[in-house]
Amino acid sequence: MPSSERANLPRWNGQQRGFFEIWFLVVLDPGGDRAWWLRYTLFTPAPGSGGEPRATMWAAAFDCASKDRPAVALKAIHPASAFTALPSGGVRIADSELTPGHCHGQVASGGHAIAWDLRFQGGSPGPVRREPRGTALLPLPTHVTHVRDDVTFEGTVTVDGERIDVKGAPGLQKHLWGHRRLEELTWLYCPRFREDPAARLEVMAVRAKRKRGHPQLSPIYLRTRDTEHTFHEMPHVLLSSVTSPASGELTFRAASATVAMEGRAWCDPRTLVGYAYRDPTGWDVLVAQSDVARCEVQLFSRPHPLAAWRPTRKLTSTVGALEFHGPEPMPGVRYIPWDGTALQAEDAPGDSGDAPALGTG
């Protein structure tokens, strides 16, 4: 079995309690105006936390050129028995499937519907690493595998009856699993840049717990036509920083001895949609997402560590995915509650109109 198929094999053994598992895909139209996000999940609550095991399909469609429908986000909740691990190395939830090189499915709720039938190929033949070496060996609460990076999607997506032909769309597929949610996470993915067709960028900032003494780790990976900038490796990752100065905006910096970068990513606030992700012990983290983000990166260099930095080149992108995970709702963003299947009203991010409380786990 190829390494990418092994990386997608389920970690759930059918018995674990207090466990979640996620397979998701990001599909970005090369023009930058449209994007799609597809998520296949398993969830089992921890003993005593309430609720039943479930398998859930999530889907979001983004269209920043649309005045009436800039973003549609939906869920379909099924019993855990609707989940099947396929012999091919894929997974099925009800009538939605993810198999090697192909995914299809549908979700409908709240008067909206998203259906997809997509093939993907190319890119990395197996998993890639975008975090410091050795991280996968640590006893972390959440594990992630970049199963397929830099792939190209072809096929169709249908949103509220409108069939869209997807051609040459860049994207990726990841697999996550664990027993505890990260309390804070920010993520940016840009697979296309105007000035350099070979350039790829992934930025992440994670904090396991929002308590004093829990540092933020900010691995940043940049590839250009000339080289790979491994700011995600030690010790460079210690010099990286990621901040969110405003709603829907991200700034980041990274440096090695002779190369540095700084950048900014942002999205139209109308294209942000939100979700409540449940930790197995019962608390929620709120996620705001737009997959039609913009990005600018400035690179610097110097001949030796004592020399002054000089700007060398600038990269700009209109093709990117942007996510913000945290305990509080982002102003102006509508959220799908944990037990809901469609976006709530403007002022009701939680099940009862208030933000879900984030516990200590």
Protein backbone atom coordinates (compact mmCIF):
# COMPACT_ATOMS: atom_id res chain seq x y z
CA MET A 1 0.00 0.00 0.00
CA PRO A 2 1.47 3.44 -0.94
CA SER A 3 2.56 5.63 1.96
CA SER A 4 -0.21 8.18 1.31
CA GLU A 5 -2.84 5.44 1.65
CA ARG A 6 -1.25 4.13 4.86
CA ALA A 7 -1.28 7.66 6.25
CA ASN A 8 -5.05 7.85 5.70
CA LEU A 9 -5.86 4.61 7.53
CA PRO A 10 -8.21 5.17 10.50
CA ARG A 11 -6.67 5.29 13.98
CA TRP A 12 -10.04 4.65 15.65
CA ASN A 13 -10.35 0.98 16.59
CA GLY A 14 -14.11 1.10 17.05
CA GLN A 15 -13.84 1.08 20.86
CA GLN A 16 -11.95 4.21 21.98
CA ARG A 17 -13.89 6.81 23.94
CA GLY A 18 -12.76 10.40 24.14
CA PHE A 19 -11.39 10.41 20.59
CA PHE A 20 -11.78 12.35 17.34
CA GLU A 21 -10.54 11.74 13.81
CA ILE A 22 -10.68 14.02 10.77
CA TRP A 23 -9.97 13.75 7.06
CA PHE A 24 -10.25 17.06 5.20
CA LEU A 25 -9.57 18.51 1.76
CA VAL A 26 -9.00 22.09 0.62
CA VAL A 27 -9.81 22.80 -3.05
CA LEU A 28 -8.82 26.26 -4.33
CA ASP A 29 -9.93 27.54 -7.71
CA PRO A 30 -6.81 28.82 -9.54
CA GLY A 31 -8.55 32.13 -10.25
CA GLY A 32 -8.84 32.83 -6.53
CA ASP A 33 -12.53 33.75 -6.42
CA ARG A 34 -13.86 30.33 -5.41
CA ALA A 35 -12.87 27.53 -3.05
CA TRP A 36 -14.31 24.45 -1.35
CA TRP A 37 -13.60 22.70 1.95
CA LEU A 38 -14.68 19.11 2.65
CA ARG A 39 -14.39 17.30 5.98
CA TYR A 40 -15.10 13.69 6.99
CA THR A 41 -15.06 13.17 10.79
CA LEU A 42 -15.48 10.70 13.65
CA PHE A 43 -16.15 11.74 17.25
CA THR A 44 -16.60 9.77 20.48
CA PRO A 45 -17.19 11.66 23.75
CA ALA A 46 -15.14 10.94 26.84
CA PRO A 47 -16.87 8.90 29.55
CA GLY A 48 -19.15 11.09 31.62
CA SER A 49 -19.16 14.05 29.19
CA GLY A 50 -22.52 13.23 27.59
CA GLY A 51 -23.50 12.76 23.98
CA GLU A 52 -23.24 9.85 21.60
CA PRO A 53 -20.52 8.85 19.12
CA ARG A 54 -21.10 10.38 15.70
CA ALA A 55 -19.81 10.55 12.16
CA THR A 56 -20.20 13.95 10.53
CA MET A 57 -19.85 15.36 7.03
CA TRP A 58 -18.93 19.04 6.75
CA ALA A 59 -18.77 21.13 3.58
CA ALA A 60 -18.21 24.80 2.77
CA ALA A 61 -18.28 26.69 -0.52
CA PHE A 62 -16.71 30.14 -0.88
CA ASP A 63 -17.31 32.66 -3.68
CA CYS A 64 -15.90 36.12 -3.02
CA ALA A 65 -17.34 37.41 -6.33
CA SER A 66 -20.90 36.65 -5.22
CA LYS A 67 -22.93 39.36 -3.49
CA ASP A 68 -25.72 37.02 -2.40
CA ARG A 69 -23.76 33.87 -1.51
CA PRO A 70 -20.13 34.65 -0.55
CA ALA A 71 -19.98 31.57 1.72
CA VAL A 72 -22.17 28.53 2.40
CA ALA A 73 -21.32 26.13 5.25
CA LEU A 74 -23.22 22.94 6.15
CA LYS A 75 -23.05 19.77 8.26
CA ALA A 76 -24.72 16.36 8.20
CA ILE A 77 -24.67 14.43 11.49
CA HIS A 78 -24.82 10.61 11.37
CA PRO A 79 -24.43 7.87 13.99
CA ALA A 80 -20.93 6.41 14.25
CA SER A 81 -22.28 3.26 12.60
CA ALA A 82 -22.48 5.24 9.33
CA PHE A 83 -18.67 5.25 9.22
CA THR A 84 -16.85 2.55 7.25
CA ALA A 85 -13.12 2.01 6.72
CA LEU A 86 -12.73 0.93 3.09
CA PRO A 87 -10.30 -1.79 1.94
CA SER A 88 -8.82 0.68 -0.55
CA GLY A 89 -7.48 2.82 2.28
CA GLY A 90 -10.36 5.26 2.13
CA VAL A 91 -13.33 6.07 4.35
CA ARG A 92 -17.09 6.29 3.90
CA ILE A 93 -19.67 8.22 5.92
CA ALA A 94 -23.23 7.43 4.79
CA ASP A 95 -23.11 8.00 1.01
CA SER A 96 -19.97 10.22 1.04
CA GLU A 97 -16.54 8.71 0.33
CA LEU A 98 -12.88 9.65 0.34
CA THR A 99 -10.68 7.14 -1.49
CA PRO A 100 -7.15 7.42 -2.93
CA GLY A 101 -7.33 10.12 -5.60
CA HIS A 102 -11.10 10.60 -5.42
CA CYS A 103 -13.82 12.04 -3.19
CA HIS A 104 -17.55 12.45 -3.54
CA GLY A 105 -20.45 13.31 -1.28
CA GLN A 106 -23.25 15.69 -0.44
CA VAL A 107 -24.57 17.75 2.48
CA ALA A 108 -27.89 19.61 2.66
CA SER A 109 -29.40 21.75 5.44
CA GLY A 110 -31.12 25.08 6.04
CA GLY A 111 -32.25 25.43 2.44
CA HIS A 112 -28.72 24.99 1.06
CA ALA A 113 -26.95 22.00 -0.50
CA ILE A 114 -23.37 21.19 -1.53
CA ALA A 115 -22.42 18.10 -3.57
CA TRP A 116 -19.02 17.16 -4.98
CA ASP A 117 -17.35 14.61 -7.22
CA LEU A 118 -13.62 15.33 -7.46
CA ARG A 119 -10.49 13.52 -8.59
CA PHE A 120 -7.05 14.63 -7.42
CA GLN A 121 -3.54 13.74 -8.49
CA GLY A 122 0.04 14.95 -8.59
CA GLY A 123 1.91 16.64 -5.80
CA SER A 124 3.75 14.71 -3.13
CA PRO A 125 3.59 10.90 -3.52
CA GLY A 126 3.30 10.54 0.24
CA PRO A 127 3.00 12.55 3.45
CA VAL A 128 5.07 15.70 3.87
CA ARG A 129 6.26 17.31 7.11
CA ARG A 130 5.55 20.94 8.00
CA GLU A 131 6.43 20.83 11.70
CA PRO A 132 9.78 20.41 13.55
CA ARG A 133 11.51 17.08 13.09
CA GLY A 134 10.53 14.56 15.74
CA THR A 135 7.18 16.17 16.57
CA ALA A 136 5.25 13.09 15.44
CA LEU A 137 7.04 11.00 18.09
CA LEU A 138 5.84 13.16 20.99
CA PRO A 139 2.76 12.22 23.09
CA LEU A 140 0.72 15.15 21.71
CA PRO A 141 -3.04 15.55 22.27
CA THR A 142 -3.58 15.99 18.52
CA HIS A 143 -1.65 14.44 15.63
CA VAL A 144 -1.70 15.57 12.00
CA THR A 145 -0.44 14.02 8.77
CA HIS A 146 -0.16 16.02 5.54
CA VAL A 147 -1.27 13.05 3.45
CA ARG A 148 -1.21 14.70 0.01
CA ASP A 149 0.23 18.17 -0.57
CA ASP A 150 0.26 20.26 -3.73
CA VAL A 151 -2.31 18.15 -5.58
CA THR A 152 -4.57 19.23 -8.46
CA PHE A 153 -8.34 18.68 -8.42
CA GLU A 154 -10.66 18.06 -11.37
CA GLY A 155 -14.39 17.38 -11.35
CA THR A 156 -17.56 19.14 -10.28
CA VAL A 157 -19.03 20.89 -7.24
CA THR A 158 -22.72 21.78 -7.12
CA VAL A 159 -23.84 24.56 -4.74
CA ASP A 160 -27.59 25.18 -4.37
CA GLY A 161 -28.21 23.67 -7.80
CA GLU A 162 -25.38 25.55 -9.57
CA ARG A 163 -22.94 23.07 -11.13
CA ILE A 164 -19.35 24.30 -11.17
CA ASP A 165 -16.65 22.65 -13.26
CA VAL A 166 -13.43 22.38 -11.25
CA LYS A 167 -10.30 22.37 -13.41
CA GLY A 168 -6.67 22.54 -12.33
CA ALA A 169 -7.59 23.53 -8.77
CA PRO A 170 -4.62 23.34 -6.34
CA GLY A 171 -5.09 21.98 -2.84
CA LEU A 172 -4.24 19.37 -0.24
CA GLN A 173 -5.60 16.60 1.96
CA LYS A 174 -4.83 16.08 5.67
CA HIS A 175 -5.62 13.50 8.34
CA LEU A 176 -5.88 14.41 12.04
CA TRP A 177 -6.70 12.43 15.17
CA GLY A 178 -6.38 12.77 18.92
CA HIS A 179 -8.00 12.87 22.34
CA ARG A 180 -7.91 16.62 23.07
CA ARG A 181 -8.49 19.74 20.99
CA LEU A 182 -5.87 22.45 20.72
CA GLU A 183 -7.27 25.54 22.41
CA GLU A 184 -5.69 27.97 19.96
CA LEU A 185 -4.61 27.48 16.34
CA THR A 186 -4.11 29.69 13.27
CA TRP A 187 -3.44 28.32 9.80
CA LEU A 188 -2.62 29.77 6.37
CA TYR A 189 -2.09 27.81 3.16
CA CYS A 190 -1.15 29.43 -0.18
CA PRO A 191 -0.24 27.11 -3.09
CA ARG A 192 -0.05 29.77 -5.86
CA PHE A 193 1.87 33.03 -6.22
CA ARG A 194 1.82 35.41 -9.18
CA GLU A 195 5.56 36.06 -9.30
CA ASP A 196 6.68 32.45 -8.80
CA PRO A 197 4.50 29.51 -9.95
CA ALA A 198 6.69 27.14 -7.91
CA ALA A 199 6.20 29.01 -4.62
CA ARG A 200 4.18 27.39 -1.80
CA LEU A 201 3.52 28.72 1.70
CA GLU A 202 2.10 27.17 4.88
CA VAL A 203 1.95 29.07 8.18
CA MET A 204 0.74 27.68 11.50
CA ALA A 205 0.57 28.93 15.07
CA VAL A 206 -0.54 26.53 17.81
CA ARG A 207 -1.00 26.73 21.56
CA ALA A 208 -2.19 23.55 23.29
CA LYS A 209 -3.65 25.42 26.25
CA ARG A 210 -4.40 29.06 26.92
CA LYS A 211 -2.59 29.08 30.24
CA ARG A 212 0.49 30.86 31.43
CA GLY A 213 3.52 28.74 30.62
CA HIS A 214 2.07 27.24 27.44
CA PRO A 215 4.07 28.86 24.61
CA GLN A 216 2.91 29.37 21.05
CA LEU A 217 4.77 27.36 18.41
CA SER A 218 4.80 28.90 14.91
CA PRO A 219 6.21 26.62 12.19
CA ILE A 220 6.40 28.34 8.78
CA TYR A 221 7.27 26.63 5.52
CA LEU A 222 8.07 28.46 2.26
CA ARG A 223 9.20 26.93 -1.00
CA THR A 224 10.26 29.00 -4.00
CA ARG A 225 11.64 28.04 -7.39
CA ASP A 226 15.13 28.40 -5.94
CA THR A 227 14.98 26.63 -2.58
CA GLU A 228 13.03 25.44 0.44
CA HIS A 229 13.02 27.79 3.44
CA THR A 230 12.65 25.49 6.43
CA PHE A 231 11.51 27.98 9.04
CA HIS A 232 9.46 25.11 10.52
CA GLU A 233 12.62 23.35 11.73
CA MET A 234 14.63 23.92 14.90
CA PRO A 235 16.11 26.36 15.75
CA HIS A 236 14.46 28.64 13.13
CA VAL A 237 10.96 27.92 14.44
CA LEU A 238 11.94 29.64 17.71
CA LEU A 239 12.42 32.90 15.77
CA SER A 240 9.04 32.74 14.01
CA SER A 241 5.98 34.70 15.09
CA VAL A 242 2.35 34.76 13.99
CA THR A 243 -0.22 37.34 15.13
CA SER A 244 -3.76 38.36 14.24
CA PRO A 245 -3.93 42.17 14.45
CA ALA A 246 -7.56 42.35 13.26
CA SER A 247 -10.52 40.10 12.54
CA GLY A 248 -9.77 37.96 9.48
CA GLU A 249 -6.15 39.15 9.24
CA LEU A 250 -2.83 37.42 9.90
CA THR A 251 0.77 38.69 10.05
CA PHE A 252 3.86 36.50 10.29
CA ARG A 253 7.64 36.68 10.47
CA ALA A 254 10.44 34.10 10.22
CA ALA A 255 14.20 34.13 9.92
CA SER A 256 17.31 32.02 9.58
CA ALA A 257 20.89 33.29 9.75
CA THR A 258 20.87 34.77 6.25
CA VAL A 259 17.22 34.72 5.04
CA ALA A 260 14.14 36.34 6.55
CA MET A 261 10.54 36.87 5.57
CA GLU A 262 7.53 38.83 6.73
CA GLY A 263 4.02 38.64 5.41
CA ARG A 264 0.35 39.40 5.76
CA ALA A 265 -2.80 37.46 4.84
CA TRP A 266 -6.40 38.63 4.93
CA CYS A 267 -9.87 37.89 3.60
CA ASP A 268 -13.13 39.67 2.88
CA PRO A 269 -15.06 39.36 6.19
CA ARG A 270 -18.18 38.36 4.24
CA THR A 271 -16.47 35.11 3.26
CA LEU A 272 -15.79 33.97 6.84
CA VAL A 273 -17.88 31.09 8.21
CA GLY A 274 -17.63 29.47 11.62
CA TYR A 275 -18.00 26.12 13.35
CA ALA A 276 -18.07 24.88 16.94
CA TYR A 277 -15.63 21.97 17.31
CA ARG A 278 -16.28 19.83 20.38
CA ASP A 279 -13.53 18.49 22.59
CA PRO A 280 -14.24 14.91 23.76
CA THR A 281 -14.52 16.19 27.36
CA GLY A 282 -17.34 18.56 26.44
CA TRP A 283 -16.00 22.06 25.75
CA ASP A 284 -15.97 23.81 22.36
CA VAL A 285 -13.39 25.70 20.34
CA LEU A 286 -14.73 28.15 17.76
CA VAL A 287 -13.27 28.09 14.25
CA ALA A 288 -13.59 30.92 11.70
CA GLN A 289 -12.53 30.11 8.15
CA SER A 290 -12.22 31.63 4.68
CA ASP A 291 -10.68 29.71 1.79
CA VAL A 292 -10.57 32.75 -0.51
CA ALA A 293 -7.78 34.63 1.29
CA ARG A 294 -5.11 36.96 -0.08
CA CYS A 295 -1.44 37.02 0.90
CA GLU A 296 1.70 39.14 0.49
CA VAL A 297 5.23 38.01 1.41
CA GLN A 298 8.44 40.07 1.48
CA LEU A 299 11.75 38.20 1.48
CA PHE A 300 15.05 39.56 2.83
CA SER A 301 18.63 38.32 2.74
CA ARG A 302 22.09 39.17 4.04
CA PRO A 303 25.53 37.72 3.27
CA HIS A 304 26.34 36.89 6.91
CA PRO A 305 24.65 37.15 10.34
CA LEU A 306 26.26 40.52 11.16
CA ALA A 307 25.20 42.25 7.93
CA ALA A 308 22.06 44.35 7.48
CA TRP A 309 18.94 42.83 5.94
CA ARG A 310 18.10 43.79 2.35
CA PRO A 311 14.76 43.14 0.60
CA THR A 312 15.19 40.66 -2.25
CA ARG A 313 11.75 39.83 -3.68
CA LYS A 314 8.03 40.09 -3.08
CA LEU A 315 5.39 37.40 -3.56
CA THR A 316 1.64 38.00 -3.86
CA SER A 317 -1.22 35.49 -3.95
CA THR A 318 -5.00 35.54 -4.37
CA VAL A 319 -5.29 31.77 -3.75
CA GLY A 320 -5.27 30.75 -0.10
CA ALA A 321 -7.02 29.26 2.91
CA LEU A 322 -7.13 30.99 6.29
CA GLU A 323 -8.37 29.64 9.67
CA PHE A 324 -8.61 30.97 13.22
CA HIS A 325 -9.32 28.59 16.18
CA GLY A 326 -9.98 29.98 19.65
CA PRO A 327 -12.32 30.15 22.64
CA GLU A 328 -14.18 33.32 21.60
CA PRO A 329 -16.29 33.97 18.51
CA MET A 330 -14.85 36.32 15.89
CA PRO A 331 -16.95 39.50 15.54
CA GLY A 332 -19.37 39.39 12.63
CA VAL A 333 -18.90 35.66 11.93
CA ARG A 334 -21.86 33.26 11.93
CA TYR A 335 -21.23 29.81 13.42
CA ILE A 336 -22.68 26.32 13.06
CA PRO A 337 -23.29 25.02 16.63
CA TRP A 338 -21.99 21.58 17.57
CA ASP A 339 -25.45 20.07 17.38
CA GLY A 340 -26.53 22.26 14.45
CA THR A 341 -26.25 21.66 10.72
CA ALA A 342 -26.44 25.21 9.30
CA LEU A 343 -25.20 28.69 10.14
CA GLN A 344 -27.03 30.52 12.92
CA ALA A 345 -28.19 34.13 12.90
CA GLU A 346 -25.63 36.93 12.97
CA ASP A 347 -25.63 37.32 16.77
CA ALA A 348 -25.88 33.66 17.83
CA PRO A 349 -22.56 31.78 17.67
CA GLY A 350 -23.49 29.19 20.30
CA ASP A 351 -26.34 26.75 20.82
CA SER A 352 -28.29 29.25 22.94
CA GLY A 353 -27.13 32.49 21.34
CA ASP A 354 -24.00 32.82 23.50
CA ALA A 355 -20.45 31.68 22.82
CA PRO A 356 -19.80 28.15 24.13
CA ALA A 357 -17.54 28.13 27.18
CA LEU A 358 -14.00 26.80 26.81
CA GLY A 359 -13.12 24.56 29.75
CA THR A 360 -9.81 23.29 30.97
CA GLY A 361 -10.26 19.80 29.55
